[in-house]
Amino acid sequence: MAGPAVAHLEEGEEFEHALTWVRHVTKNITHSGQNLTGISDTVRAMYGHQQWINREDDSMRNVKLERTLAVARSSVWAVLADYPNIADWNDGLKKSYAIGDATEGVGAQRRTELVQGGAMRETVTEWVPEERMVIAIDEIEKMPVKQATMTFTLSGGGETTLCMMSYDYEPKGGPFAFIVGSMLDWQMPKGFNGFIDYLEPAAQARATS
C-alpha cells in the first residue's frame, strides 16, 4: 500500500458537486440513532479552515453484489452483450447509444445518460462470452465519482444464473472523498439490486422470444 501523501484541498466545481451530493444523501438519514444531516456542514467547516491534509494515495473503493437470476446464462449474456442498447430495458437510463462503429467486444464504447442526471462514457476492456464483461467508466459527468470499473461475472447452468457485480471506483471530494465514498458504499447496493431487477425480466424476455 502506498504511503501517506500531502494533498492540497481542491477548490471549485468538483468539491462543490461532491458536497451537494453529500447533503442530498445524508438528508434525513440516521445511523445508530445519530442524525447525520450536519455532515456536509462539518465538511465545509473543515474545508474552510484547513489548507493541507495527509491522506493515503490508494483511494479506490469496491462494492460487490451477487444475485441468482431465474433465467439461463446465455439469455443474461445476450442482454448485457447488446451493449449500446442498455437503455431499452434499464429504466434508470433515459438514453444510450454506441460511440463509434463497434457495438460489441473489447473496445466497444457507449454513452449512457441517467434519468436523475449525469452521463457516462463506458468502454469494454474484457469480453468473455457468457462468463465475464469488464467495463471501464472513463468519463463521468455530474456524478460524485472520478473513475470506475464495473465487472460482470456470470456462472451456473440450467435455468439459473449467478450474477456478480463488482464495482471499483474513486470518489470525488478531494481529501474528503472518504465521506463521499462512505455514502456511496451505503447507497450503491440498492442501485445494483435495481439494475438486477431490470436485467432479470429482460433476460427472461430474450429466452422466450
C-alpha atoms as a PDB file:
ATOM      1  CA  MET A   1       0.000   0.000   0.000  1.00  0.00           C
ATOM      2  CA  ALA A   2       1.263   3.451  -0.855  1.00  0.00           C
ATOM      3  CA  GLY A   3       2.370   5.658   1.995  1.00  0.00           C
ATOM      4  CA  PRO A   4       0.641   8.871   3.042  1.00  0.00           C
ATOM      5  CA  ALA A   5       0.919  11.861   0.759  1.00  0.00           C
ATOM      6  CA  VAL A   6       0.278  15.554   1.327  1.00  0.00           C
ATOM      7  CA  ALA A   7      -2.671  16.699  -0.755  1.00  0.00           C
ATOM      8  CA  HIS A   8      -3.814  20.256  -1.305  1.00  0.00           C
ATOM      9  CA  LEU A   9      -7.556  20.773  -0.960  1.00  0.00           C
ATOM     10  CA  GLU A  10      -9.071  21.436  -4.333  1.00  0.00           C
ATOM     11  CA  GLU A  11     -11.287  24.487  -4.747  1.00  0.00           C
ATOM     12  CA  GLY A  12     -14.097  24.761  -7.227  1.00  0.00           C
ATOM     13  CA  GLU A  13     -16.695  22.707  -9.011  1.00  0.00           C
ATOM     14  CA  GLU A  14     -15.555  19.191  -8.060  1.00  0.00           C
ATOM     15  CA  PHE A  15     -15.700  19.857  -4.321  1.00  0.00           C
ATOM     16  CA  GLU A  16     -18.982  21.759  -4.556  1.00  0.00           C
ATOM     17  CA  HIS A  17     -20.511  18.928  -6.578  1.00  0.00           C
ATOM     18  CA  ALA A  18     -19.430  16.315  -4.041  1.00  0.00           C
ATOM     19  CA  LEU A  19     -20.671  18.473  -1.182  1.00  0.00           C
ATOM     20  CA  THR A  20     -24.074  18.929  -2.815  1.00  0.00           C
ATOM     21  CA  TRP A  21     -24.348  15.179  -3.252  1.00  0.00           C
ATOM     22  CA  VAL A  22     -23.374  14.520   0.393  1.00  0.00           C
ATOM     23  CA  ARG A  23     -26.071  16.942   1.541  1.00  0.00           C
ATOM     24  CA  HIS A  24     -28.655  15.209  -0.635  1.00  0.00           C
ATOM     25  CA  VAL A  25     -27.800  11.685   0.518  1.00  0.00           C
ATOM     26  CA  THR A  26     -27.409  12.479   4.194  1.00  0.00           C
ATOM     27  CA  LYS A  27     -30.646  14.441   4.465  1.00  0.00           C
ATOM     28  CA  ASN A  28     -32.976  12.636   6.844  1.00  0.00           C
ATOM     29  CA  ILE A  29     -30.588   9.679   7.229  1.00  0.00           C
ATOM     30  CA  THR A  30     -29.873   8.375  10.712  1.00  0.00           C
ATOM     31  CA  HIS A  31     -27.154   5.973  11.745  1.00  0.00           C
ATOM     32  CA  SER A  32     -27.030   4.322  15.159  1.00  0.00           C
ATOM     33  CA  GLY A  33     -29.616   6.815  16.351  1.00  0.00           C
ATOM     34  CA  GLN A  34     -27.481   9.826  15.448  1.00  0.00           C
ATOM     35  CA  ASN A  35     -28.745  12.266  12.832  1.00  0.00           C
ATOM     36  CA  LEU A  36     -26.214  12.823  10.065  1.00  0.00           C
ATOM     37  CA  THR A  37     -27.782  15.835   8.391  1.00  0.00           C
ATOM     38  CA  GLY A  38     -24.965  18.074   9.646  1.00  0.00           C
ATOM     39  CA  ILE A  39     -22.189  16.113   7.975  1.00  0.00           C
ATOM     40  CA  SER A  40     -21.891  18.383   4.942  1.00  0.00           C
ATOM     41  CA  ASP A  41     -21.635  21.481   7.161  1.00  0.00           C
ATOM     42  CA  THR A  42     -18.861  19.754   9.080  1.00  0.00           C
ATOM     43  CA  VAL A  43     -17.061  19.082   5.817  1.00  0.00           C
ATOM     44  CA  ARG A  44     -17.403  22.705   4.775  1.00  0.00           C
ATOM     45  CA  ALA A  45     -16.114  23.915   8.148  1.00  0.00           C
ATOM     46  CA  MET A  46     -13.087  21.647   7.874  1.00  0.00           C
ATOM     47  CA  TYR A  47     -12.546  22.735   4.295  1.00  0.00           C
ATOM     48  CA  GLY A  48     -12.634  26.394   5.241  1.00  0.00           C
ATOM     49  CA  HIS A  49     -10.000  26.073   7.988  1.00  0.00           C
ATOM     50  CA  GLN A  50      -7.585  23.528   6.528  1.00  0.00           C
ATOM     51  CA  GLN A  51      -5.267  24.022   3.582  1.00  0.00           C
ATOM     52  CA  TRP A  52      -3.406  20.720   3.681  1.00  0.00           C
ATOM     53  CA  ILE A  53      -4.202  17.246   4.895  1.00  0.00           C
ATOM     54  CA  ASN A  54      -2.450  13.866   4.898  1.00  0.00           C
ATOM     55  CA  ARG A  55      -4.196  11.054   3.108  1.00  0.00           C
ATOM     56  CA  GLU A  56      -3.468   7.683   1.542  1.00  0.00           C
ATOM     57  CA  ASP A  57      -2.779   7.605  -2.201  1.00  0.00           C
ATOM     58  CA  ASP A  58      -4.894   4.473  -2.549  1.00  0.00           C
ATOM     59  CA  SER A  59      -8.379   5.976  -2.720  1.00  0.00           C
ATOM     60  CA  MET A  60     -10.132   3.257  -4.744  1.00  0.00           C
ATOM     61  CA  ARG A  61     -13.140   1.562  -3.165  1.00  0.00           C
ATOM     62  CA  ASN A  62     -15.103  -1.571  -4.043  1.00  0.00           C
ATOM     63  CA  VAL A  63     -18.742  -2.605  -3.806  1.00  0.00           C
ATOM     64  CA  LYS A  64     -19.925  -6.120  -4.699  1.00  0.00           C
ATOM     65  CA  LEU A  65     -23.321  -7.718  -5.169  1.00  0.00           C
ATOM     66  CA  GLU A  66     -24.326 -11.300  -6.017  1.00  0.00           C
ATOM     67  CA  ARG A  67     -27.804 -12.375  -7.123  1.00  0.00           C
ATOM     68  CA  THR A  68     -29.219 -15.587  -8.571  1.00  0.00           C
ATOM     69  CA  LEU A  69     -31.410 -14.951 -11.611  1.00  0.00           C
ATOM     70  CA  ALA A  70     -34.157 -17.339 -12.688  1.00  0.00           C
ATOM     71  CA  VAL A  71     -33.010 -17.438 -16.299  1.00  0.00           C
ATOM     72  CA  ALA A  72     -30.303 -19.200 -18.319  1.00  0.00           C
ATOM     73  CA  ARG A  73     -26.858 -17.654 -18.530  1.00  0.00           C
ATOM     74  CA  SER A  74     -26.999 -17.375 -22.332  1.00  0.00           C
ATOM     75  CA  SER A  75     -30.030 -15.095 -22.082  1.00  0.00           C
ATOM     76  CA  VAL A  76     -28.452 -12.907 -19.391  1.00  0.00           C
ATOM     77  CA  TRP A  77     -25.359 -12.546 -21.549  1.00  0.00           C
ATOM     78  CA  ALA A  78     -27.458 -11.719 -24.622  1.00  0.00           C
ATOM     79  CA  VAL A  79     -28.936  -8.723 -22.804  1.00  0.00           C
ATOM     80  CA  LEU A  80     -25.594  -7.485 -21.459  1.00  0.00           C
ATOM     81  CA  ALA A  81     -23.941  -8.035 -24.839  1.00  0.00           C
ATOM     82  CA  ASP A  82     -26.494  -5.828 -26.613  1.00  0.00           C
ATOM     83  CA  TYR A  83     -24.093  -3.180 -25.454  1.00  0.00           C
ATOM     84  CA  PRO A  84     -25.324   0.115 -26.921  1.00  0.00           C
ATOM     85  CA  ASN A  85     -28.984  -0.550 -26.098  1.00  0.00           C
ATOM     86  CA  ILE A  86     -28.917  -0.847 -22.309  1.00  0.00           C
ATOM     87  CA  ALA A  87     -31.479   1.963 -22.005  1.00  0.00           C
ATOM     88  CA  ASP A  88     -34.037  -0.245 -23.775  1.00  0.00           C
ATOM     89  CA  TRP A  89     -34.508  -2.253 -20.569  1.00  0.00           C
ATOM     90  CA  ASN A  90     -32.845  -0.269 -17.780  1.00  0.00           C
ATOM     91  CA  ASP A  91     -35.381   2.302 -16.569  1.00  0.00           C
ATOM     92  CA  GLY A  92     -32.672   4.173 -14.681  1.00  0.00           C
ATOM     93  CA  LEU A  93     -31.384   5.441 -18.032  1.00  0.00           C
ATOM     94  CA  LYS A  94     -33.099   7.837 -20.397  1.00  0.00           C
ATOM     95  CA  LYS A  95     -30.740   7.266 -23.331  1.00  0.00           C
ATOM     96  CA  SER A  96     -27.864   5.072 -24.504  1.00  0.00           C
ATOM     97  CA  TYR A  97     -26.028   4.775 -27.806  1.00  0.00           C
ATOM     98  CA  ALA A  98     -22.812   3.477 -29.356  1.00  0.00           C
ATOM     99  CA  ILE A  99     -19.768   5.691 -29.758  1.00  0.00           C
ATOM    100  CA  GLY A 100     -18.085   4.635 -32.992  1.00  0.00           C
ATOM    101  CA  ASP A 101     -18.740   1.586 -35.121  1.00  0.00           C
ATOM    102  CA  ALA A 102     -18.003  -1.201 -32.605  1.00  0.00           C
ATOM    103  CA  THR A 103     -21.090  -2.441 -30.758  1.00  0.00           C
ATOM    104  CA  GLU A 104     -19.609  -5.499 -29.023  1.00  0.00           C
ATOM    105  CA  GLY A 105     -16.297  -6.922 -27.849  1.00  0.00           C
ATOM    106  CA  VAL A 106     -13.206  -5.262 -26.399  1.00  0.00           C
ATOM    107  CA  GLY A 107     -13.045  -1.608 -27.387  1.00  0.00           C
ATOM    108  CA  ALA A 108     -16.794  -1.086 -27.825  1.00  0.00           C
ATOM    109  CA  GLN A 109     -17.930   2.207 -26.325  1.00  0.00           C
ATOM    110  CA  ARG A 110     -21.296   3.625 -25.365  1.00  0.00           C
ATOM    111  CA  ARG A 111     -22.663   6.773 -23.790  1.00  0.00           C
ATOM    112  CA  THR A 112     -25.381   6.456 -21.175  1.00  0.00           C
ATOM    113  CA  GLU A 113     -27.500   9.274 -19.773  1.00  0.00           C
ATOM    114  CA  LEU A 114     -29.194   8.808 -16.396  1.00  0.00           C
ATOM    115  CA  VAL A 115     -32.795   9.733 -15.653  1.00  0.00           C
ATOM    116  CA  GLN A 116     -31.737  11.539 -12.477  1.00  0.00           C
ATOM    117  CA  GLY A 117     -28.989  13.467 -14.268  1.00  0.00           C
ATOM    118  CA  GLY A 118     -25.430  12.722 -15.230  1.00  0.00           C
ATOM    119  CA  ALA A 119     -23.860  10.790 -18.069  1.00  0.00           C
ATOM    120  CA  MET A 120     -21.059   8.286 -18.635  1.00  0.00           C
ATOM    121  CA  ARG A 121     -18.779   7.011 -21.372  1.00  0.00           C
ATOM    122  CA  GLU A 122     -18.210   3.276 -20.910  1.00  0.00           C
ATOM    123  CA  THR A 123     -15.566   1.209 -22.710  1.00  0.00           C
ATOM    124  CA  VAL A 124     -15.376  -2.599 -22.768  1.00  0.00           C
ATOM    125  CA  THR A 125     -11.925  -3.793 -21.652  1.00  0.00           C
ATOM    126  CA  GLU A 126     -12.663  -7.523 -21.284  1.00  0.00           C
ATOM    127  CA  TRP A 127     -15.248  -9.672 -23.084  1.00  0.00           C
ATOM    128  CA  VAL A 128     -15.619 -13.400 -22.420  1.00  0.00           C
ATOM    129  CA  PRO A 129     -18.980 -14.546 -23.831  1.00  0.00           C
ATOM    130  CA  GLU A 130     -21.406 -15.854 -21.189  1.00  0.00           C
ATOM    131  CA  GLU A 131     -18.758 -15.512 -18.475  1.00  0.00           C
ATOM    132  CA  ARG A 132     -17.280 -12.078 -17.922  1.00  0.00           C
ATOM    133  CA  MET A 133     -17.501  -8.473 -19.060  1.00  0.00           C
ATOM    134  CA  VAL A 134     -15.350  -5.633 -17.713  1.00  0.00           C
ATOM    135  CA  ILE A 135     -16.320  -2.044 -18.415  1.00  0.00           C
ATOM    136  CA  ALA A 136     -14.119   0.994 -17.770  1.00  0.00           C
ATOM    137  CA  ILE A 137     -16.239   4.023 -16.935  1.00  0.00           C
ATOM    138  CA  ASP A 138     -13.737   6.558 -18.165  1.00  0.00           C
ATOM    139  CA  GLU A 139     -15.811   9.713 -18.473  1.00  0.00           C
ATOM    140  CA  ILE A 140     -18.352  10.629 -15.791  1.00  0.00           C
ATOM    141  CA  GLU A 141     -20.434  13.809 -15.773  1.00  0.00           C
ATOM    142  CA  LYS A 142     -22.330  15.364 -12.850  1.00  0.00           C
ATOM    143  CA  MET A 143     -21.725  12.421 -10.520  1.00  0.00           C
ATOM    144  CA  PRO A 144     -19.564  12.122  -7.366  1.00  0.00           C
ATOM    145  CA  VAL A 145     -17.200   9.567  -8.951  1.00  0.00           C
ATOM    146  CA  LYS A 146     -13.916  10.301 -10.751  1.00  0.00           C
ATOM    147  CA  GLN A 147     -13.393   6.937 -12.414  1.00  0.00           C
ATOM    148  CA  ALA A 148     -14.743   3.418 -12.092  1.00  0.00           C
ATOM    149  CA  THR A 149     -14.660  -0.135 -13.424  1.00  0.00           C
ATOM    150  CA  MET A 150     -17.633  -2.497 -13.441  1.00  0.00           C
ATOM    151  CA  THR A 151     -17.088  -6.246 -13.719  1.00  0.00           C
ATOM    152  CA  PHE A 152     -19.939  -8.643 -14.507  1.00  0.00           C
ATOM    153  CA  THR A 153     -19.241 -12.320 -13.810  1.00  0.00           C
ATOM    154  CA  LEU A 154     -21.804 -14.962 -14.795  1.00  0.00           C
ATOM    155  CA  SER A 155     -21.769 -18.591 -13.642  1.00  0.00           C
ATOM    156  CA  GLY A 156     -24.104 -21.529 -13.236  1.00  0.00           C
ATOM    157  CA  GLY A 157     -26.042 -23.717 -15.616  1.00  0.00           C
ATOM    158  CA  GLY A 158     -29.527 -24.813 -16.469  1.00  0.00           C
ATOM    159  CA  GLU A 159     -32.261 -22.257 -15.883  1.00  0.00           C
ATOM    160  CA  THR A 160     -30.490 -20.144 -13.242  1.00  0.00           C
ATOM    161  CA  THR A 161     -27.528 -17.776 -13.363  1.00  0.00           C
ATOM    162  CA  LEU A 162     -25.366 -16.418 -10.579  1.00  0.00           C
ATOM    163  CA  CYS A 163     -24.560 -12.821 -11.484  1.00  0.00           C
ATOM    164  CA  MET A 164     -21.838 -10.991  -9.597  1.00  0.00           C
ATOM    165  CA  MET A 165     -21.316  -7.251  -9.994  1.00  0.00           C
ATOM    166  CA  SER A 166     -18.038  -5.802  -8.710  1.00  0.00           C
ATOM    167  CA  TYR A 167     -17.607  -2.024  -8.855  1.00  0.00           C
ATOM    168  CA  ASP A 168     -14.201  -0.438  -8.258  1.00  0.00           C
ATOM    169  CA  TYR A 169     -14.355   3.338  -8.050  1.00  0.00           C
ATOM    170  CA  GLU A 170     -12.642   6.507  -6.902  1.00  0.00           C
ATOM    171  CA  PRO A 171     -14.986   9.055  -5.316  1.00  0.00           C
ATOM    172  CA  LYS A 172     -14.699  12.791  -5.818  1.00  0.00           C
ATOM    173  CA  GLY A 173     -14.328  15.246  -2.962  1.00  0.00           C
ATOM    174  CA  GLY A 174     -10.574  15.718  -2.705  1.00  0.00           C
ATOM    175  CA  PRO A 175      -9.293  14.822   0.754  1.00  0.00           C
ATOM    176  CA  PHE A 176     -12.882  14.409   1.964  1.00  0.00           C
ATOM    177  CA  ALA A 177     -13.534  11.691  -0.603  1.00  0.00           C
ATOM    178  CA  PHE A 178     -13.772   9.200   2.280  1.00  0.00           C
ATOM    179  CA  ILE A 179     -17.054  10.860   3.300  1.00  0.00           C
ATOM    180  CA  VAL A 180     -18.468  10.700  -0.215  1.00  0.00           C
ATOM    181  CA  GLY A 181     -17.164   7.132  -0.573  1.00  0.00           C
ATOM    182  CA  SER A 182     -18.789   6.004   2.647  1.00  0.00           C
ATOM    183  CA  MET A 183     -22.137   7.343   1.485  1.00  0.00           C
ATOM    184  CA  LEU A 184     -21.738   5.715  -1.932  1.00  0.00           C
ATOM    185  CA  ASP A 185     -20.823   2.382  -0.328  1.00  0.00           C
ATOM    186  CA  TRP A 186     -24.092   2.577   1.592  1.00  0.00           C
ATOM    187  CA  GLN A 187     -26.202   3.630  -1.407  1.00  0.00           C
ATOM    188  CA  MET A 188     -24.812   1.542  -4.283  1.00  0.00           C
ATOM    189  CA  PRO A 189     -26.132  -1.918  -3.327  1.00  0.00           C
ATOM    190  CA  LYS A 190     -29.661  -0.538  -3.645  1.00  0.00           C
ATOM    191  CA  GLY A 191     -28.847   0.712  -7.128  1.00  0.00           C
ATOM    192  CA  PHE A 192     -27.228  -2.583  -8.118  1.00  0.00           C
ATOM    193  CA  ASN A 193     -30.269  -4.522  -6.909  1.00  0.00           C
ATOM    194  CA  GLY A 194     -32.418  -2.223  -9.018  1.00  0.00           C
ATOM    195  CA  PHE A 195     -30.202  -2.968 -12.010  1.00  0.00           C
ATOM    196  CA  ILE A 196     -30.673  -6.725 -11.488  1.00  0.00           C
ATOM    197  CA  ASP A 197     -34.432  -6.185 -11.100  1.00  0.00           C
ATOM    198  CA  TYR A 198     -34.419  -4.769 -14.649  1.00  0.00           C
ATOM    199  CA  LEU A 199     -31.899  -7.261 -16.052  1.00  0.00           C
ATOM    200  CA  GLU A 200     -33.718 -10.438 -14.996  1.00  0.00           C
ATOM    201  CA  PRO A 201     -37.049  -9.834 -16.806  1.00  0.00           C
ATOM    202  CA  ALA A 202     -35.179  -8.524 -19.852  1.00  0.00           C
ATOM    203  CA  ALA A 203     -33.216 -11.779 -19.996  1.00  0.00           C
ATOM    204  CA  GLN A 204     -36.379 -13.820 -19.466  1.00  0.00           C
ATOM    205  CA  ALA A 205     -37.993 -11.991 -22.373  1.00  0.00           C
ATOM    206  CA  ARG A 206     -34.986 -12.886 -24.538  1.00  0.00           C
ATOM    207  CA  ALA A 207     -35.309 -16.530 -23.544  1.00  0.00           C
ATOM    208  CA  THR A 208     -38.900 -16.709 -24.787  1.00  0.00           C
ATOM    209  CA  SER A 209     -38.514 -14.607 -27.942  1.00  0.00           C
END
